[in-house]
Amino acid sequence: MDDPVPESAEDLLTSEPLVGHLATSTDDRPHVAPVWYRYEDGTLDITTTGRKLADIRANPRVAFSVQNAEAGIPEWQVTLRGTATVVEDPETTRERNRLINEKYGVDPDAFSENTLVRIEVGSASAETF
């Protein structure tokens, strides 16, 4: 299957450490929260706990958005929609958590209590302004 994320959007997703927003839903009520992320080869990895994790376990359909702005003026935005899977393997979680932490410049072992969520992207949209 072809990668649903255009190359131009992949370049934006991997360009710098920005905060994304993950949208989950439970009981037909949306929940949006900021997250750190790492995108690679059509898959988005986040590590999380709490409400987001519970929502994903109940309903794996999610959306994710990230934008870059200068002084509040958007330069570009990317939105991904897909299916989230909770990864229960501790070694994979540790490895991916370290990669996310390195991207954001924090101790590679920080947030080790978090659980890895892998989002397989089904569709994407991107816009530059």
C-alpha atoms as a PDB file:
ATOM      1  CA  MET A   1       0.000   0.000   0.000  1.00  0.00           C
ATOM      2  CA  ASP A   2       1.243   3.486  -0.828  1.00  0.00           C
ATOM      3  CA  ASP A   3       2.154   5.816   2.002  1.00  0.00           C
ATOM      4  CA  PRO A   4      -0.891   8.104   2.550  1.00  0.00           C
ATOM      5  CA  VAL A   5       1.383  10.913   3.769  1.00  0.00           C
ATOM      6  CA  PRO A   6       2.800  13.051   0.945  1.00  0.00           C
ATOM      7  CA  GLU A   7       6.576  13.466   0.977  1.00  0.00           C
ATOM      8  CA  SER A   8       6.188  17.216   1.553  1.00  0.00           C
ATOM      9  CA  ALA A   9       4.137  16.500   4.707  1.00  0.00           C
ATOM     10  CA  GLU A  10       6.684  13.906   5.898  1.00  0.00           C
ATOM     11  CA  ASP A  11       9.392  16.560   5.563  1.00  0.00           C
ATOM     12  CA  LEU A  12       7.340  18.917   7.744  1.00  0.00           C
ATOM     13  CA  LEU A  13       6.555  16.221  10.345  1.00  0.00           C
ATOM     14  CA  THR A  14      10.246  15.396  10.757  1.00  0.00           C
ATOM     15  CA  SER A  15      11.638  18.922  10.436  1.00  0.00           C
ATOM     16  CA  GLU A  16      11.852  19.989  14.070  1.00  0.00           C
ATOM     17  CA  PRO A  17      10.585  19.124  17.549  1.00  0.00           C
ATOM     18  CA  LEU A  18       7.102  20.638  17.644  1.00  0.00           C
ATOM     19  CA  VAL A  19       4.176  19.793  19.901  1.00  0.00           C
ATOM     20  CA  GLY A  20       1.341  17.986  18.154  1.00  0.00           C
ATOM     21  CA  HIS A  21      -2.256  17.581  19.241  1.00  0.00           C
ATOM     22  CA  LEU A  22      -3.816  14.148  19.525  1.00  0.00           C
ATOM     23  CA  ALA A  23      -7.602  13.859  19.250  1.00  0.00           C
ATOM     24  CA  THR A  24      -9.285  10.835  20.795  1.00  0.00           C
ATOM     25  CA  SER A  25     -12.937  10.094  21.445  1.00  0.00           C
ATOM     26  CA  THR A  26     -14.912   8.156  24.033  1.00  0.00           C
ATOM     27  CA  ASP A  27     -18.686   8.087  24.396  1.00  0.00           C
ATOM     28  CA  ASP A  28     -18.967  10.403  21.360  1.00  0.00           C
ATOM     29  CA  ARG A  29     -17.050  13.131  23.187  1.00  0.00           C
ATOM     30  CA  PRO A  30     -13.771  14.452  21.757  1.00  0.00           C
ATOM     31  CA  HIS A  31     -10.621  14.912  23.799  1.00  0.00           C
ATOM     32  CA  VAL A  32      -7.617  16.808  22.420  1.00  0.00           C
ATOM     33  CA  ALA A  33      -4.270  16.921  24.184  1.00  0.00           C
ATOM     34  CA  PRO A  34      -0.740  18.080  23.349  1.00  0.00           C
ATOM     35  CA  VAL A  35       1.832  15.346  22.760  1.00  0.00           C
ATOM     36  CA  TRP A  36       5.407  14.842  21.711  1.00  0.00           C
ATOM     37  CA  TYR A  37       5.719  12.551  18.738  1.00  0.00           C
ATOM     38  CA  ARG A  38       8.012  10.867  16.256  1.00  0.00           C
ATOM     39  CA  TYR A  39       6.984  10.171  12.679  1.00  0.00           C
ATOM     40  CA  GLU A  40       8.669   7.596  10.467  1.00  0.00           C
ATOM     41  CA  ASP A  41       7.564   5.656   7.367  1.00  0.00           C
ATOM     42  CA  GLY A  42       3.816   6.252   7.652  1.00  0.00           C
ATOM     43  CA  THR A  43       3.678   5.583  11.383  1.00  0.00           C
ATOM     44  CA  LEU A  44       3.352   8.074  14.208  1.00  0.00           C
ATOM     45  CA  ASP A  45       4.662   7.097  17.656  1.00  0.00           C
ATOM     46  CA  ILE A  46       3.675   8.784  20.902  1.00  0.00           C
ATOM     47  CA  THR A  47       4.083   7.678  24.497  1.00  0.00           C
ATOM     48  CA  THR A  48       1.321   8.515  26.916  1.00  0.00           C
ATOM     49  CA  THR A  49      -0.663   7.614  30.014  1.00  0.00           C
ATOM     50  CA  GLY A  50      -4.012   8.506  31.515  1.00  0.00           C
ATOM     51  CA  ARG A  51      -7.017   9.746  29.599  1.00  0.00           C
ATOM     52  CA  LYS A  52      -5.488   9.505  26.103  1.00  0.00           C
ATOM     53  CA  LEU A  53      -4.447   5.913  26.688  1.00  0.00           C
ATOM     54  CA  ALA A  54      -7.857   4.943  28.090  1.00  0.00           C
ATOM     55  CA  ASP A  55      -9.598   6.625  25.149  1.00  0.00           C
ATOM     56  CA  ILE A  56      -7.437   4.762  22.632  1.00  0.00           C
ATOM     57  CA  ARG A  57      -8.117   1.433  24.303  1.00  0.00           C
ATOM     58  CA  ALA A  58     -11.864   2.151  24.024  1.00  0.00           C
ATOM     59  CA  ASN A  59     -11.789   3.581  20.482  1.00  0.00           C
ATOM     60  CA  PRO A  60      -8.604   3.377  18.388  1.00  0.00           C
ATOM     61  CA  ARG A  61      -9.681   5.922  15.755  1.00  0.00           C
ATOM     62  CA  VAL A  62      -7.643   9.079  16.271  1.00  0.00           C
ATOM     63  CA  ALA A  63      -6.558  12.296  14.597  1.00  0.00           C
ATOM     64  CA  PHE A  64      -3.316  14.204  15.030  1.00  0.00           C
ATOM     65  CA  SER A  65      -2.345  17.715  13.981  1.00  0.00           C
ATOM     66  CA  VAL A  66       0.798  19.775  14.137  1.00  0.00           C
ATOM     67  CA  GLN A  67       1.589  23.244  12.892  1.00  0.00           C
ATOM     68  CA  ASN A  68       4.488  25.613  12.776  1.00  0.00           C
ATOM     69  CA  ALA A  69       3.880  29.316  13.302  1.00  0.00           C
ATOM     70  CA  GLU A  70       5.930  32.471  13.567  1.00  0.00           C
ATOM     71  CA  ALA A  71       4.551  35.019  16.065  1.00  0.00           C
ATOM     72  CA  GLY A  72       1.170  33.280  15.930  1.00  0.00           C
ATOM     73  CA  ILE A  73       0.996  33.329  12.120  1.00  0.00           C
ATOM     74  CA  PRO A  74       0.799  29.762  10.759  1.00  0.00           C
ATOM     75  CA  GLU A  75       3.477  28.736   8.272  1.00  0.00           C
ATOM     76  CA  TRP A  76       2.249  25.170   7.690  1.00  0.00           C
ATOM     77  CA  GLN A  77       0.025  22.476   9.166  1.00  0.00           C
ATOM     78  CA  VAL A  78      -0.328  18.714   8.822  1.00  0.00           C
ATOM     79  CA  THR A  79      -3.298  16.604   9.911  1.00  0.00           C
ATOM     80  CA  LEU A  80      -3.175  12.810  10.111  1.00  0.00           C
ATOM     81  CA  ARG A  81      -6.065  10.429  10.703  1.00  0.00           C
ATOM     82  CA  GLY A  82      -5.576   6.796  11.552  1.00  0.00           C
ATOM     83  CA  THR A  83      -5.846   3.848  13.869  1.00  0.00           C
ATOM     84  CA  ALA A  84      -3.929   3.663  17.120  1.00  0.00           C
ATOM     85  CA  THR A  85      -2.505   0.508  18.648  1.00  0.00           C
ATOM     86  CA  VAL A  86      -1.298   0.246  22.223  1.00  0.00           C
ATOM     87  CA  VAL A  87       2.092  -1.480  22.151  1.00  0.00           C
ATOM     88  CA  GLU A  88       2.492  -3.772  25.140  1.00  0.00           C
ATOM     89  CA  ASP A  89       6.109  -4.810  24.446  1.00  0.00           C
ATOM     90  CA  PRO A  90       8.361  -3.136  27.091  1.00  0.00           C
ATOM     91  CA  GLU A  91      11.525  -3.221  24.945  1.00  0.00           C
ATOM     92  CA  THR A  92       9.842  -1.607  21.945  1.00  0.00           C
ATOM     93  CA  THR A  93       8.265   0.998  24.225  1.00  0.00           C
ATOM     94  CA  ARG A  94      11.633   1.791  25.829  1.00  0.00           C
ATOM     95  CA  GLU A  95      13.352   2.102  22.430  1.00  0.00           C
ATOM     96  CA  ARG A  96      10.687   4.370  20.900  1.00  0.00           C
ATOM     97  CA  ASN A  97      10.374   6.462  24.075  1.00  0.00           C
ATOM     98  CA  ARG A  98      14.120   7.096  23.942  1.00  0.00           C
ATOM     99  CA  LEU A  99      13.878   8.219  20.290  1.00  0.00           C
ATOM    100  CA  ILE A 100      11.036  10.617  21.096  1.00  0.00           C
ATOM    101  CA  ASN A 101      12.918  12.020  24.107  1.00  0.00           C
ATOM    102  CA  GLU A 102      16.088  12.487  22.069  1.00  0.00           C
ATOM    103  CA  LYS A 103      14.090  14.424  19.466  1.00  0.00           C
ATOM    104  CA  TYR A 104      12.930  16.843  22.181  1.00  0.00           C
ATOM    105  CA  GLY A 105      16.301  17.102  23.910  1.00  0.00           C
ATOM    106  CA  VAL A 106      15.430  15.526  27.243  1.00  0.00           C
ATOM    107  CA  ASP A 107      16.936  12.626  29.158  1.00  0.00           C
ATOM    108  CA  PRO A 108      16.438   9.553  26.948  1.00  0.00           C
ATOM    109  CA  ASP A 109      14.959   7.622  29.886  1.00  0.00           C
ATOM    110  CA  ALA A 110      12.503  10.334  30.966  1.00  0.00           C
ATOM    111  CA  PHE A 111       8.815   9.406  31.048  1.00  0.00           C
ATOM    112  CA  SER A 112       9.647   5.701  31.233  1.00  0.00           C
ATOM    113  CA  GLU A 113       6.256   5.080  32.869  1.00  0.00           C
ATOM    114  CA  ASN A 114       4.474   5.997  29.629  1.00  0.00           C
ATOM    115  CA  THR A 115       3.000   3.461  27.233  1.00  0.00           C
ATOM    116  CA  LEU A 116       3.819   3.431  23.524  1.00  0.00           C
ATOM    117  CA  VAL A 117       0.989   4.126  21.118  1.00  0.00           C
ATOM    118  CA  ARG A 118       1.640   3.551  17.439  1.00  0.00           C
ATOM    119  CA  ILE A 119      -0.675   5.247  14.952  1.00  0.00           C
ATOM    120  CA  GLU A 120      -0.953   3.759  11.491  1.00  0.00           C
ATOM    121  CA  VAL A 121      -1.844   6.679   9.256  1.00  0.00           C
ATOM    122  CA  GLY A 122      -4.841   6.131   6.987  1.00  0.00           C
ATOM    123  CA  SER A 123      -5.112   9.616   5.492  1.00  0.00           C
ATOM    124  CA  ALA A 124      -3.286  12.909   5.657  1.00  0.00           C
ATOM    125  CA  SER A 125      -3.606  16.522   4.633  1.00  0.00           C
ATOM    126  CA  ALA A 126      -1.014  19.276   4.608  1.00  0.00           C
ATOM    127  CA  GLU A 127      -0.982  22.949   3.806  1.00  0.00           C
ATOM    128  CA  THR A 128       1.674  25.626   3.704  1.00  0.00           C
ATOM    129  CA  PHE A 129       0.741  29.287   4.054  1.00  0.00           C
END
